[in-house]
């Protein structure tokens, strides 16, 4: 019978540890030895209180002797169930997470003679739970960011459009034009901040364009030198066969801008930023899937980061900078852009030894051709129905379209727009509707009106849209914030389409 019991214990995939009344280890089956990182000749004589185990609770606090399952069984004589323990394995230098159950065995006098512990490895489960919690946290932050960006883009639309209209009324030599130009530039930079919010929140549509990496770096070199400052040397090394990466040139510029600014901040006393790019082939499966990539490396010899900081470096709104000196969005945006294009980004860093970011961006066949120059924002006399719940944006759009000669019908939301359309006796040539409105969003409004007026053309305006690609595949979209000229051009171009 003992031989048969030993065979069963050896076959079990669950760890089994038998301990005596002094918590000395009497027996470990092979599964337990594997979990604890021991050989067969190493477990005898050990106890649950061996400091080498460095046992911790789920919150990271040390398991005191009184809290150990074996101690509780000895004190109460009752089984202990489902205790989670983090056990350090000295020989492997890592920690394994175990779900532990302990049952006592008694002699005829009712004294505990043995305790049998079963060990279940839950390390991978904990990793999955942590990943799920992180994903839920990021989803919540993304929803918050999307809402903030939507409201912020409404305000920026008013600021940029009103400023541009005011500049139009001033003479070329009016000194106020310079002040308004500064205001307009600030609004455009604020618009770039909302784009960063939407990028990491994955609420901004990413297009599969192509960026000639060498050309982008050559064009950005003067700007990058200004970003890193006179106290930092900038070295750019691009291999001749680097080619194009599969992302829009403006997105590559955004990535380089954020990485350069991050490197600069890590070197307050000066140093060197190195940017290297080359085409590489990844053959073996790993963190970077096999395929052809542009490998972009941005390194500095600055302060570096410890392990805890490095683990959070891509986390949205995480920053080590002083209050007011950083948003915590730069590196989150880098990761968002790279991941949404099917790429990979990694960071290596040590305190005092600098930081290196390595990006693998899928290659593209060729750079996208330069877009044609925008058409003029011509005048017209057609009827345009506006549906926009933000009063300031609605009034401004009405003024812009009236300036260009259009007859404008204005509605506060989708339901009012339907009533206006039903009451209007003549044709309505274009619906200009915000995507996000209470009770009825822009897509529902456009679909309903199209059923009643099949010739109606639709231009969707949006601060952000969760259905990004679906919406853009079906409807013409104008992103907020926009200028009067952009609105005039898009309306005229759409009305002139066959």
Foldseek 3Di string as FASTA:
>chain_A
DVVVVLVVLQPDLKWKWKAFLVQFTDDTHPNNCVQQVHDPVPRGRDGPPPCQFQKAAPVRHGQDPCNDQSNVCQVPVAKDFQGWIWTARVVVRGTWIWGKIKHFDADPVRHTTMIMIIIDTCRVVVVVVVVVVLVVVLLVLLVVLLVVLQVLLLVLQLLLAVLVVVLVPDDPPDPVNVVSVVSNVVSVVVNVVSVLSCLLSVQDDWDFFKDFVVVLCVVCVVVLDVLLDPQEAEAEAEDPPQAIFGGASVLVVLLSSLLSNVQSVQAVRYWYKYWYWHWDADDDDDQWGGDIWIKIKIKIQGQWDDPVCQVCLLPFQDDPDDPPPDRSRSSVSNQSNQVVQVKDWHKDTDGRGIIMIIITGHGDDHGDDDDDDFDWLAADAAEEEEEDQPVSSQVSLVVLNVVSNYHYHYHNHLVRSVVVVVPDPDDHAEYEYEQDDPPAGPVRSVVVVCVVVVNYAYEYEYSTDNCVVVCVVPHHYDYGNDYSRVVSRVVVVRSPDD
